[in-house]
Amino acid sequence: MAIVGLCLGSFYNVLIVRVPNGQSIVRPGSKCPKCGHALSWYENLPVLSWLALGGKCRSCKTPISPRYMVVELLTGLLFVAFWARFGIGWPLLSAMVMSIFVVPLAFIDAEQWILPFELTLPGIAAGVLVAIPQGFEAVKISALSAAIAFCAFRAVEYFGWLMFKKEAMGAGDKFLAALLCAFIGVHALPALFLLSALHGSVVGLIGLAIAGRAGPQADAPPGGEEEKPEAPPTMTWEFTQPGLSFGRRLLLIPYCIFLQPIPDEPKDVEGNEVEWKPGPTNLPFGPWLVVGALEILLLAPWLAVHVPMIGWIFAL
């Protein structure tokens, strides 16, 4: 099982590099991004090749990110943990399928602050499809879990804009939450949000204490140009408009939450979209959602017994 995980971890590295750039995950074969040297089979062995090459390209000696080895080792350990938790059976296969999507998404979001639809949408579909052999009831629960998780995170995203007039949660997080709950079930949603928020907060506070930033430093504007000040975001909240009856306000709330568009990009004072850059307190939430989901998947019985808040949530 560890060998299967190591090999799939090598494939996950391909997804992490190519999917955000819109590249094929099949062709061309693996190569050095610096000099274009095509890697031989013995340069593609999980973990061993990175160690044997000293973490450098054999041709141009450019350093190779240790992330490649970390992903391979992590996936190998995950597959061993899945096997120890579930044994041989359908839950094991379901966990392995989930990892195909969530491990690359966690690293992509950590590095690039994005959660590509090329992985989140097929991942939601896979979560529902993998339940088919367990019967119609399992398929229904998986689909409803994904829908409820999506709506819950959409509501959080919407009210974040309502209260803070800025993005409080990434637009892709609701799709990742739907993916995760399609596999682990909507009953785990409160625990998922609690664990991911807890982990993210701890890591963010440590980053602020050590480096003065929870996330990475924003890049300087190209060419030394000065950044134009952003205009305050504007949105119309229909249910808050004066003159509406109480009943109409209530009817408008679901429309505003689930159908009203939320601005994706801030605009400068001239009305032009400006690229969003993480502030000192910003941290990508996707990796912590994935960590929380894996904890629930692997440690749910232990968490239910030894963590009172989680046990109370699972008992609902």
C-alpha atoms as a PDB file:
ATOM      1  CA  MET A   1       0.000   0.000   0.000  1.00  0.00           C
ATOM      2  CA  ALA A   2       2.878   2.372   0.749  1.00  0.00           C
ATOM      3  CA  ILE A   3       4.366   1.735  -2.715  1.00  0.00           C
ATOM      4  CA  VAL A   4       1.004   2.494  -4.361  1.00  0.00           C
ATOM      5  CA  GLY A   5       0.841   5.735  -2.400  1.00  0.00           C
ATOM      6  CA  LEU A   6       4.396   6.728  -3.337  1.00  0.00           C
ATOM      7  CA  CYS A   7       3.701   6.145  -7.039  1.00  0.00           C
ATOM      8  CA  LEU A   8       0.425   8.053  -6.937  1.00  0.00           C
ATOM      9  CA  GLY A   9       2.193  10.832  -5.043  1.00  0.00           C
ATOM     10  CA  SER A  10       4.468  11.233  -8.051  1.00  0.00           C
ATOM     11  CA  PHE A  11       1.354  11.647 -10.224  1.00  0.00           C
ATOM     12  CA  TYR A  12      -0.084  14.168  -7.763  1.00  0.00           C
ATOM     13  CA  ASN A  13       3.037  16.280  -8.303  1.00  0.00           C
ATOM     14  CA  VAL A  14       2.175  16.372 -11.998  1.00  0.00           C
ATOM     15  CA  LEU A  15      -1.320  17.610 -11.141  1.00  0.00           C
ATOM     16  CA  ILE A  16       0.050  20.266  -8.782  1.00  0.00           C
ATOM     17  CA  VAL A  17       2.354  21.695 -11.440  1.00  0.00           C
ATOM     18  CA  ARG A  18       0.264  21.351 -14.600  1.00  0.00           C
ATOM     19  CA  VAL A  19      -3.406  21.776 -13.699  1.00  0.00           C
ATOM     20  CA  PRO A  20      -3.141  25.442 -12.551  1.00  0.00           C
ATOM     21  CA  ASN A  21      -1.275  26.262 -15.786  1.00  0.00           C
ATOM     22  CA  GLY A  22      -3.828  24.569 -18.051  1.00  0.00           C
ATOM     23  CA  GLN A  23      -1.300  21.986 -19.260  1.00  0.00           C
ATOM     24  CA  SER A  24      -1.938  18.376 -20.221  1.00  0.00           C
ATOM     25  CA  ILE A  25      -1.251  15.875 -17.450  1.00  0.00           C
ATOM     26  CA  VAL A  26      -0.388  13.205 -20.039  1.00  0.00           C
ATOM     27  CA  ARG A  27       2.008  14.853 -22.502  1.00  0.00           C
ATOM     28  CA  PRO A  28       4.822  15.738 -22.609  1.00  0.00           C
ATOM     29  CA  GLY A  29       6.677  13.546 -20.156  1.00  0.00           C
ATOM     30  CA  SER A  30       8.318  14.895 -17.028  1.00  0.00           C
ATOM     31  CA  LYS A  31      11.169  17.324 -17.616  1.00  0.00           C
ATOM     32  CA  CYS A  32      13.250  19.915 -15.833  1.00  0.00           C
ATOM     33  CA  PRO A  33      11.347  23.234 -15.859  1.00  0.00           C
ATOM     34  CA  LYS A  34      14.632  25.133 -16.144  1.00  0.00           C
ATOM     35  CA  CYS A  35      16.585  23.422 -18.938  1.00  0.00           C
ATOM     36  CA  GLY A  36      13.917  21.126 -20.422  1.00  0.00           C
ATOM     37  CA  HIS A  37      15.912  17.949 -19.751  1.00  0.00           C
ATOM     38  CA  ALA A  38      13.564  14.964 -20.250  1.00  0.00           C
ATOM     39  CA  LEU A  39      13.640  12.748 -17.170  1.00  0.00           C
ATOM     40  CA  SER A  40      14.548   9.094 -17.611  1.00  0.00           C
ATOM     41  CA  TRP A  41      12.554   6.399 -15.804  1.00  0.00           C
ATOM     42  CA  TYR A  42      15.221   6.098 -13.123  1.00  0.00           C
ATOM     43  CA  GLU A  43      14.978   9.856 -12.492  1.00  0.00           C
ATOM     44  CA  ASN A  44      11.254   9.479 -11.819  1.00  0.00           C
ATOM     45  CA  LEU A  45      11.407   6.984  -8.979  1.00  0.00           C
ATOM     46  CA  PRO A  46       9.427   8.364  -6.022  1.00  0.00           C
ATOM     47  CA  VAL A  47      11.615   9.784  -3.248  1.00  0.00           C
ATOM     48  CA  LEU A  48      14.671   7.698  -4.269  1.00  0.00           C
ATOM     49  CA  SER A  49      15.430   9.746  -7.386  1.00  0.00           C
ATOM     50  CA  TRP A  50      15.239  13.040  -5.493  1.00  0.00           C
ATOM     51  CA  LEU A  51      17.613  11.723  -2.834  1.00  0.00           C
ATOM     52  CA  ALA A  52      20.010  10.145  -5.358  1.00  0.00           C
ATOM     53  CA  LEU A  53      20.196  13.381  -7.373  1.00  0.00           C
ATOM     54  CA  GLY A  54      20.756  15.456  -4.255  1.00  0.00           C
ATOM     55  CA  GLY A  55      17.621  17.467  -4.992  1.00  0.00           C
ATOM     56  CA  LYS A  56      19.094  18.843  -8.245  1.00  0.00           C
ATOM     57  CA  CYS A  57      18.530  18.371 -11.975  1.00  0.00           C
ATOM     58  CA  ARG A  58      21.051  15.879 -13.389  1.00  0.00           C
ATOM     59  CA  SER A  59      21.583  18.095 -16.435  1.00  0.00           C
ATOM     60  CA  CYS A  60      21.680  21.735 -15.281  1.00  0.00           C
ATOM     61  CA  LYS A  61      22.048  21.208 -11.507  1.00  0.00           C
ATOM     62  CA  THR A  62      19.095  23.501 -10.785  1.00  0.00           C
ATOM     63  CA  PRO A  63      17.634  22.720  -7.347  1.00  0.00           C
ATOM     64  CA  ILE A  64      14.439  20.651  -7.396  1.00  0.00           C
ATOM     65  CA  SER A  65      11.842  21.669  -4.834  1.00  0.00           C
ATOM     66  CA  PRO A  66      11.651  19.287  -1.858  1.00  0.00           C
ATOM     67  CA  ARG A  67       7.878  19.546  -2.260  1.00  0.00           C
ATOM     68  CA  TYR A  68       8.084  16.698  -4.806  1.00  0.00           C
ATOM     69  CA  MET A  69       9.493  14.331  -2.196  1.00  0.00           C
ATOM     70  CA  VAL A  70       7.162  15.630   0.535  1.00  0.00           C
ATOM     71  CA  VAL A  71       4.050  14.949  -1.573  1.00  0.00           C
ATOM     72  CA  GLU A  72       5.236  11.436  -2.404  1.00  0.00           C
ATOM     73  CA  LEU A  73       6.060  10.597   1.223  1.00  0.00           C
ATOM     74  CA  LEU A  74       2.829  12.125   2.485  1.00  0.00           C
ATOM     75  CA  THR A  75       0.733  10.149   0.008  1.00  0.00           C
ATOM     76  CA  GLY A  76       2.542   6.930   0.894  1.00  0.00           C
ATOM     77  CA  LEU A  77       1.858   7.514   4.596  1.00  0.00           C
ATOM     78  CA  LEU A  78      -1.767   8.422   3.880  1.00  0.00           C
ATOM     79  CA  PHE A  79      -2.368   5.185   2.005  1.00  0.00           C
ATOM     80  CA  VAL A  80      -0.872   3.160   4.853  1.00  0.00           C
ATOM     81  CA  ALA A  81      -3.137   5.066   7.276  1.00  0.00           C
ATOM     82  CA  PHE A  82      -6.175   4.424   5.050  1.00  0.00           C
ATOM     83  CA  TRP A  83      -5.393   0.712   4.983  1.00  0.00           C
ATOM     84  CA  ALA A  84      -4.900   0.577   8.763  1.00  0.00           C
ATOM     85  CA  ARG A  85      -8.172   2.463   9.356  1.00  0.00           C
ATOM     86  CA  PHE A  86     -10.462   0.687   6.886  1.00  0.00           C
ATOM     87  CA  GLY A  87      -8.786  -2.566   5.841  1.00  0.00           C
ATOM     88  CA  ILE A  88      -9.545  -3.947   2.391  1.00  0.00           C
ATOM     89  CA  GLY A  89     -12.962  -2.780   1.276  1.00  0.00           C
ATOM     90  CA  TRP A  90     -14.985  -0.066  -0.378  1.00  0.00           C
ATOM     91  CA  PRO A  91     -14.225   2.646   2.233  1.00  0.00           C
ATOM     92  CA  LEU A  92     -10.521   2.172   1.469  1.00  0.00           C
ATOM     93  CA  LEU A  93     -11.113   2.732  -2.247  1.00  0.00           C
ATOM     94  CA  SER A  94     -13.272   5.772  -1.505  1.00  0.00           C
ATOM     95  CA  ALA A  95     -10.515   7.312   0.643  1.00  0.00           C
ATOM     96  CA  MET A  96      -7.918   6.664  -2.058  1.00  0.00           C
ATOM     97  CA  VAL A  97     -10.116   8.282  -4.721  1.00  0.00           C
ATOM     98  CA  MET A  98     -10.666  11.316  -2.489  1.00  0.00           C
ATOM     99  CA  SER A  99      -6.904  11.724  -2.098  1.00  0.00           C
ATOM    100  CA  ILE A 100      -6.500  12.047  -5.876  1.00  0.00           C
ATOM    101  CA  PHE A 101      -8.257  15.397  -5.675  1.00  0.00           C
ATOM    102  CA  VAL A 102      -7.646  16.778  -2.195  1.00  0.00           C
ATOM    103  CA  VAL A 103      -3.877  16.286  -1.888  1.00  0.00           C
ATOM    104  CA  PRO A 104      -3.085  18.253  -5.097  1.00  0.00           C
ATOM    105  CA  LEU A 105      -5.715  20.881  -4.214  1.00  0.00           C
ATOM    106  CA  ALA A 106      -4.168  21.446  -0.783  1.00  0.00           C
ATOM    107  CA  PHE A 107      -0.711  22.083  -2.237  1.00  0.00           C
ATOM    108  CA  ILE A 108      -2.012  24.178  -5.148  1.00  0.00           C
ATOM    109  CA  ASP A 109      -3.957  26.426  -2.778  1.00  0.00           C
ATOM    110  CA  ALA A 110      -1.001  26.694  -0.400  1.00  0.00           C
ATOM    111  CA  GLU A 111       1.324  27.764  -3.226  1.00  0.00           C
ATOM    112  CA  GLN A 112      -0.962  29.718  -5.583  1.00  0.00           C
ATOM    113  CA  TRP A 113      -4.079  30.637  -3.563  1.00  0.00           C
ATOM    114  CA  ILE A 114      -6.422  28.973  -6.072  1.00  0.00           C
ATOM    115  CA  LEU A 115      -8.612  25.858  -6.160  1.00  0.00           C
ATOM    116  CA  PRO A 116      -8.974  24.941  -9.860  1.00  0.00           C
ATOM    117  CA  PHE A 117     -12.362  23.806 -11.143  1.00  0.00           C
ATOM    118  CA  GLU A 118     -10.486  21.135 -13.122  1.00  0.00           C
ATOM    119  CA  LEU A 119     -10.071  19.286  -9.812  1.00  0.00           C
ATOM    120  CA  THR A 120     -12.929  20.456  -7.569  1.00  0.00           C
ATOM    121  CA  LEU A 121     -15.808  19.739  -9.967  1.00  0.00           C
ATOM    122  CA  PRO A 122     -14.625  16.253 -11.045  1.00  0.00           C
ATOM    123  CA  GLY A 123     -13.897  15.586  -7.362  1.00  0.00           C
ATOM    124  CA  ILE A 124     -17.513  16.336  -6.394  1.00  0.00           C
ATOM    125  CA  ALA A 125     -18.731  14.024  -9.165  1.00  0.00           C
ATOM    126  CA  ALA A 126     -16.291  11.315  -8.059  1.00  0.00           C
ATOM    127  CA  GLY A 127     -17.561  11.532  -4.482  1.00  0.00           C
ATOM    128  CA  VAL A 128     -21.098  10.813  -5.677  1.00  0.00           C
ATOM    129  CA  LEU A 129     -20.120   8.147  -8.215  1.00  0.00           C
ATOM    130  CA  VAL A 130     -17.943   6.215  -5.775  1.00  0.00           C
ATOM    131  CA  ALA A 131     -21.054   5.729  -3.608  1.00  0.00           C
ATOM    132  CA  ILE A 132     -22.995   3.929  -6.384  1.00  0.00           C
ATOM    133  CA  PRO A 133     -21.955   0.362  -5.410  1.00  0.00           C
ATOM    134  CA  GLN A 134     -23.270   1.049  -1.888  1.00  0.00           C
ATOM    135  CA  GLY A 135     -26.802   1.674  -3.151  1.00  0.00           C
ATOM    136  CA  PHE A 136     -29.162   4.518  -3.943  1.00  0.00           C
ATOM    137  CA  GLU A 137     -29.341   5.725  -0.341  1.00  0.00           C
ATOM    138  CA  ALA A 138     -25.563   6.230  -0.222  1.00  0.00           C
ATOM    139  CA  VAL A 139     -25.645   8.123  -3.534  1.00  0.00           C
ATOM    140  CA  LYS A 140     -28.460  10.358  -2.259  1.00  0.00           C
ATOM    141  CA  ILE A 141     -26.605  11.109   0.981  1.00  0.00           C
ATOM    142  CA  SER A 142     -23.393  11.919  -0.922  1.00  0.00           C
ATOM    143  CA  ALA A 143     -25.145  14.284  -3.341  1.00  0.00           C
ATOM    144  CA  LEU A 144     -27.130  16.011  -0.592  1.00  0.00           C
ATOM    145  CA  SER A 145     -23.991  16.330   1.539  1.00  0.00           C
ATOM    146  CA  ALA A 146     -22.155  18.067  -1.295  1.00  0.00           C
ATOM    147  CA  ALA A 147     -25.091  20.422  -1.929  1.00  0.00           C
ATOM    148  CA  ILE A 148     -25.551  21.332   1.751  1.00  0.00           C
ATOM    149  CA  ALA A 149     -21.805  21.934   2.240  1.00  0.00           C
ATOM    150  CA  PHE A 150     -21.718  24.159  -0.844  1.00  0.00           C
ATOM    151  CA  CYS A 151     -24.706  26.206   0.358  1.00  0.00           C
ATOM    152  CA  ALA A 152     -23.305  26.528   3.883  1.00  0.00           C
ATOM    153  CA  PHE A 153     -19.961  27.851   2.672  1.00  0.00           C
ATOM    154  CA  ARG A 154     -21.674  30.089   0.124  1.00  0.00           C
ATOM    155  CA  ALA A 155     -23.655  31.623   2.996  1.00  0.00           C
ATOM    156  CA  VAL A 156     -20.438  32.190   4.967  1.00  0.00           C
ATOM    157  CA  GLU A 157     -18.863  33.787   1.883  1.00  0.00           C
ATOM    158  CA  TYR A 158     -21.882  36.036   1.354  1.00  0.00           C
ATOM    159  CA  PHE A 159     -22.228  37.240   4.938  1.00  0.00           C
ATOM    160  CA  GLY A 160     -18.472  37.836   5.018  1.00  0.00           C
ATOM    161  CA  TRP A 161     -18.982  40.399   2.284  1.00  0.00           C
ATOM    162  CA  LEU A 162     -22.040  41.752   4.058  1.00  0.00           C
ATOM    163  CA  MET A 163     -20.240  42.319   7.363  1.00  0.00           C
ATOM    164  CA  PHE A 164     -16.677  43.175   6.319  1.00  0.00           C
ATOM    165  CA  LYS A 165     -17.203  44.542   2.765  1.00  0.00           C
ATOM    166  CA  LYS A 166     -14.327  42.354   1.577  1.00  0.00           C
ATOM    167  CA  GLU A 167     -13.582  38.744   0.789  1.00  0.00           C
ATOM    168  CA  ALA A 168     -13.717  36.700   4.010  1.00  0.00           C
ATOM    169  CA  MET A 169     -13.447  33.307   2.295  1.00  0.00           C
ATOM    170  CA  GLY A 170     -12.025  32.257  -1.063  1.00  0.00           C
ATOM    171  CA  ALA A 171     -14.535  31.648  -3.845  1.00  0.00           C
ATOM    172  CA  GLY A 172     -13.195  28.121  -4.380  1.00  0.00           C
ATOM    173  CA  ASP A 173     -13.568  27.001  -0.765  1.00  0.00           C
ATOM    174  CA  LYS A 174     -17.268  26.202  -1.145  1.00  0.00           C
ATOM    175  CA  PHE A 175     -16.497  23.816  -4.020  1.00  0.00           C
ATOM    176  CA  LEU A 176     -13.767  22.132  -1.971  1.00  0.00           C
ATOM    177  CA  ALA A 177     -16.154  21.797   0.982  1.00  0.00           C
ATOM    178  CA  ALA A 178     -18.723  20.183  -1.337  1.00  0.00           C
ATOM    179  CA  LEU A 179     -16.062  17.769  -2.603  1.00  0.00           C
ATOM    180  CA  LEU A 180     -15.001  16.774   0.909  1.00  0.00           C
ATOM    181  CA  CYS A 181     -18.550  16.273   2.206  1.00  0.00           C
ATOM    182  CA  ALA A 182     -19.454  14.202  -0.864  1.00  0.00           C
ATOM    183  CA  PHE A 183     -16.936  11.686   0.503  1.00  0.00           C
ATOM    184  CA  ILE A 184     -17.177  12.080   4.305  1.00  0.00           C
ATOM    185  CA  GLY A 185     -20.841  13.097   4.678  1.00  0.00           C
ATOM    186  CA  VAL A 186     -22.607  16.269   5.746  1.00  0.00           C
ATOM    187  CA  HIS A 187     -22.748  15.137   9.383  1.00  0.00           C
ATOM    188  CA  ALA A 188     -19.038  15.956   9.525  1.00  0.00           C
ATOM    189  CA  LEU A 189     -19.486  19.528   8.237  1.00  0.00           C
ATOM    190  CA  PRO A 190     -19.530  21.309  11.651  1.00  0.00           C
ATOM    191  CA  ALA A 191     -16.474  19.348  12.805  1.00  0.00           C
ATOM    192  CA  LEU A 192     -14.771  20.047   9.456  1.00  0.00           C
ATOM    193  CA  PHE A 193     -15.275  23.777   9.818  1.00  0.00           C
ATOM    194  CA  LEU A 194     -14.180  23.718  13.471  1.00  0.00           C
ATOM    195  CA  LEU A 195     -10.989  21.727  12.883  1.00  0.00           C
ATOM    196  CA  SER A 196      -9.942  23.627   9.753  1.00  0.00           C
ATOM    197  CA  ALA A 197     -10.543  27.016  11.399  1.00  0.00           C
ATOM    198  CA  LEU A 198      -8.600  25.886  14.483  1.00  0.00           C
ATOM    199  CA  HIS A 199      -5.598  24.654  12.488  1.00  0.00           C
ATOM    200  CA  GLY A 200      -5.572  27.703  10.228  1.00  0.00           C
ATOM    201  CA  SER A 201      -5.755  30.066  13.191  1.00  0.00           C
ATOM    202  CA  VAL A 202      -2.881  28.376  15.022  1.00  0.00           C
ATOM    203  CA  VAL A 203      -0.635  28.359  11.943  1.00  0.00           C
ATOM    204  CA  GLY A 204      -1.584  31.941  11.086  1.00  0.00           C
ATOM    205  CA  LEU A 205      -0.788  33.177  14.589  1.00  0.00           C
ATOM    206  CA  ILE A 206       2.558  31.384  14.548  1.00  0.00           C
ATOM    207  CA  GLY A 207       3.357  32.966  11.188  1.00  0.00           C
ATOM    208  CA  LEU A 208       2.409  36.412  12.461  1.00  0.00           C
ATOM    209  CA  ALA A 209       4.567  35.958  15.562  1.00  0.00           C
ATOM    210  CA  ILE A 210       7.616  34.718  13.630  1.00  0.00           C
ATOM    211  CA  ALA A 211       7.475  36.484  10.266  1.00  0.00           C
ATOM    212  CA  GLY A 212       4.908  39.228  10.814  1.00  0.00           C
ATOM    213  CA  ARG A 213       2.631  37.637   8.204  1.00  0.00           C
ATOM    214  CA  ALA A 214       0.204  34.728   8.300  1.00  0.00           C
ATOM    215  CA  GLY A 215       0.689  34.081   4.569  1.00  0.00           C
ATOM    216  CA  PRO A 216       3.276  34.821   1.863  1.00  0.00           C
ATOM    217  CA  GLN A 217       4.564  38.290   1.084  1.00  0.00           C
ATOM    218  CA  ALA A 218       2.699  40.015  -1.738  1.00  0.00           C
ATOM    219  CA  ASP A 219       4.731  40.649  -4.889  1.00  0.00           C
ATOM    220  CA  ALA A 220       5.775  44.190  -5.717  1.00  0.00           C
ATOM    221  CA  PRO A 221       3.936  45.798  -8.675  1.00  0.00           C
ATOM    222  CA  PRO A 222       5.749  45.216 -12.023  1.00  0.00           C
ATOM    223  CA  GLY A 223       8.092  47.875 -13.319  1.00  0.00           C
ATOM    224  CA  GLY A 224       8.174  49.703 -10.024  1.00  0.00           C
ATOM    225  CA  GLU A 225       4.746  51.234 -10.721  1.00  0.00           C
ATOM    226  CA  GLU A 226       2.811  52.589  -7.814  1.00  0.00           C
ATOM    227  CA  GLU A 227      -0.356  50.740  -6.920  1.00  0.00           C
ATOM    228  CA  LYS A 228      -3.556  52.707  -7.326  1.00  0.00           C
ATOM    229  CA  PRO A 229      -5.782  52.843  -4.270  1.00  0.00           C
ATOM    230  CA  GLU A 230      -8.708  50.469  -4.278  1.00  0.00           C
ATOM    231  CA  ALA A 231     -12.242  51.797  -4.249  1.00  0.00           C
ATOM    232  CA  PRO A 232     -14.516  50.523  -1.492  1.00  0.00           C
ATOM    233  CA  PRO A 233     -16.455  47.459  -2.721  1.00  0.00           C
ATOM    234  CA  THR A 234     -20.081  48.180  -3.501  1.00  0.00           C
ATOM    235  CA  MET A 235     -22.942  45.698  -3.394  1.00  0.00           C
ATOM    236  CA  THR A 236     -26.697  46.088  -3.186  1.00  0.00           C
ATOM    237  CA  TRP A 237     -28.295  43.997  -0.461  1.00  0.00           C
ATOM    238  CA  GLU A 238     -31.886  43.809  -1.646  1.00  0.00           C
ATOM    239  CA  PHE A 239     -33.311  42.579   1.638  1.00  0.00           C
ATOM    240  CA  THR A 240     -31.881  45.632   3.472  1.00  0.00           C
ATOM    241  CA  GLN A 241     -33.525  48.235   1.236  1.00  0.00           C
ATOM    242  CA  PRO A 242     -35.997  50.607   2.979  1.00  0.00           C
ATOM    243  CA  GLY A 243     -39.709  50.300   2.378  1.00  0.00           C
ATOM    244  CA  LEU A 244     -39.863  46.486   2.192  1.00  0.00           C
ATOM    245  CA  SER A 245     -42.232  44.448   4.289  1.00  0.00           C
ATOM    246  CA  PHE A 246     -40.804  41.967   6.776  1.00  0.00           C
ATOM    247  CA  GLY A 247     -42.149  39.021   4.777  1.00  0.00           C
ATOM    248  CA  ARG A 248     -40.547  40.232   1.539  1.00  0.00           C
ATOM    249  CA  ARG A 249     -37.226  40.724   3.300  1.00  0.00           C
ATOM    250  CA  LEU A 250     -37.329  37.105   4.464  1.00  0.00           C
ATOM    251  CA  LEU A 251     -38.114  35.891   0.938  1.00  0.00           C
ATOM    252  CA  LEU A 252     -35.212  37.892  -0.503  1.00  0.00           C
ATOM    253  CA  ILE A 253     -32.582  36.494   1.893  1.00  0.00           C
ATOM    254  CA  PRO A 254     -32.211  33.082   0.106  1.00  0.00           C
ATOM    255  CA  TYR A 255     -32.041  34.863  -3.268  1.00  0.00           C
ATOM    256  CA  CYS A 256     -29.284  37.197  -2.071  1.00  0.00           C
ATOM    257  CA  ILE A 257     -27.256  34.403  -0.466  1.00  0.00           C
ATOM    258  CA  PHE A 258     -27.365  31.869  -3.270  1.00  0.00           C
ATOM    259  CA  LEU A 259     -27.985  33.850  -6.475  1.00  0.00           C
ATOM    260  CA  GLN A 260     -26.618  37.366  -6.016  1.00  0.00           C
ATOM    261  CA  PRO A 261     -23.099  37.575  -7.476  1.00  0.00           C
ATOM    262  CA  ILE A 262     -20.224  38.483  -5.191  1.00  0.00           C
ATOM    263  CA  PRO A 263     -17.397  40.638  -6.607  1.00  0.00           C
ATOM    264  CA  ASP A 264     -14.391  38.466  -7.479  1.00  0.00           C
ATOM    265  CA  GLU A 265     -11.785  41.186  -7.864  1.00  0.00           C
ATOM    266  CA  PRO A 266     -11.405  44.572  -6.147  1.00  0.00           C
ATOM    267  CA  LYS A 267     -11.377  47.680  -8.362  1.00  0.00           C
ATOM    268  CA  ASP A 268      -9.204  50.777  -8.244  1.00  0.00           C
ATOM    269  CA  VAL A 269     -10.626  54.308  -8.079  1.00  0.00           C
ATOM    270  CA  GLU A 270     -10.820  54.365 -11.896  1.00  0.00           C
ATOM    271  CA  GLY A 271     -13.010  51.257 -11.978  1.00  0.00           C
ATOM    272  CA  ASN A 272     -10.330  48.876 -13.282  1.00  0.00           C
ATOM    273  CA  GLU A 273      -9.941  45.437 -11.736  1.00  0.00           C
ATOM    274  CA  VAL A 274      -6.767  45.031  -9.699  1.00  0.00           C
ATOM    275  CA  GLU A 275      -5.136  41.732  -8.861  1.00  0.00           C
ATOM    276  CA  TRP A 276      -5.921  40.593  -5.330  1.00  0.00           C
ATOM    277  CA  LYS A 277      -2.874  40.152  -3.135  1.00  0.00           C
ATOM    278  CA  PRO A 278      -2.821  38.469   0.261  1.00  0.00           C
ATOM    279  CA  GLY A 279      -2.542  40.809   3.212  1.00  0.00           C
ATOM    280  CA  PRO A 280      -0.472  40.118   6.317  1.00  0.00           C
ATOM    281  CA  THR A 281      -3.347  38.309   8.036  1.00  0.00           C
ATOM    282  CA  ASN A 282      -4.556  36.284   5.021  1.00  0.00           C
ATOM    283  CA  LEU A 283      -4.049  32.531   4.861  1.00  0.00           C
ATOM    284  CA  PRO A 284      -5.348  30.040   2.267  1.00  0.00           C
ATOM    285  CA  PHE A 285      -8.153  28.004   3.836  1.00  0.00           C
ATOM    286  CA  GLY A 286      -8.108  25.062   1.415  1.00  0.00           C
ATOM    287  CA  PRO A 287      -5.166  23.181   2.961  1.00  0.00           C
ATOM    288  CA  TRP A 288      -6.772  23.321   6.405  1.00  0.00           C
ATOM    289  CA  LEU A 289     -10.096  22.071   5.062  1.00  0.00           C
ATOM    290  CA  VAL A 290      -8.222  19.096   3.621  1.00  0.00           C
ATOM    291  CA  VAL A 291      -6.328  18.482   6.870  1.00  0.00           C
ATOM    292  CA  GLY A 292      -9.571  18.631   8.840  1.00  0.00           C
ATOM    293  CA  ALA A 293     -11.316  16.213   6.468  1.00  0.00           C
ATOM    294  CA  LEU A 294      -8.437  13.715   6.655  1.00  0.00           C
ATOM    295  CA  GLU A 295      -8.478  13.936  10.456  1.00  0.00           C
ATOM    296  CA  ILE A 296     -12.204  13.182  10.481  1.00  0.00           C
ATOM    297  CA  LEU A 297     -11.776  10.346   7.997  1.00  0.00           C
ATOM    298  CA  LEU A 298      -8.936   8.699   9.911  1.00  0.00           C
ATOM    299  CA  LEU A 299      -9.542   9.707  13.537  1.00  0.00           C
ATOM    300  CA  ALA A 300     -13.315  10.140  13.897  1.00  0.00           C
ATOM    301  CA  PRO A 301     -13.745   7.422  16.584  1.00  0.00           C
ATOM    302  CA  TRP A 302     -10.807   8.781  18.615  1.00  0.00           C
ATOM    303  CA  LEU A 303     -11.934  12.410  18.207  1.00  0.00           C
ATOM    304  CA  ALA A 304     -15.492  11.534  19.261  1.00  0.00           C
ATOM    305  CA  VAL A 305     -14.200  10.050  22.520  1.00  0.00           C
ATOM    306  CA  HIS A 306     -11.300  12.345  23.447  1.00  0.00           C
ATOM    307  CA  VAL A 307     -12.365  15.767  22.083  1.00  0.00           C
ATOM    308  CA  PRO A 308     -15.606  16.777  23.847  1.00  0.00           C
ATOM    309  CA  MET A 309     -16.696  19.380  21.266  1.00  0.00           C
ATOM    310  CA  ILE A 310     -16.150  16.983  18.351  1.00  0.00           C
ATOM    311  CA  GLY A 311     -17.894  14.173  20.240  1.00  0.00           C
ATOM    312  CA  TRP A 312     -20.898  16.413  20.857  1.00  0.00           C
ATOM    313  CA  ILE A 313     -21.070  17.346  17.166  1.00  0.00           C
ATOM    314  CA  PHE A 314     -20.855  13.725  16.015  1.00  0.00           C
ATOM    315  CA  ALA A 315     -23.590  12.791  18.496  1.00  0.00           C
ATOM    316  CA  LEU A 316     -26.085  15.168  16.860  1.00  0.00           C
END
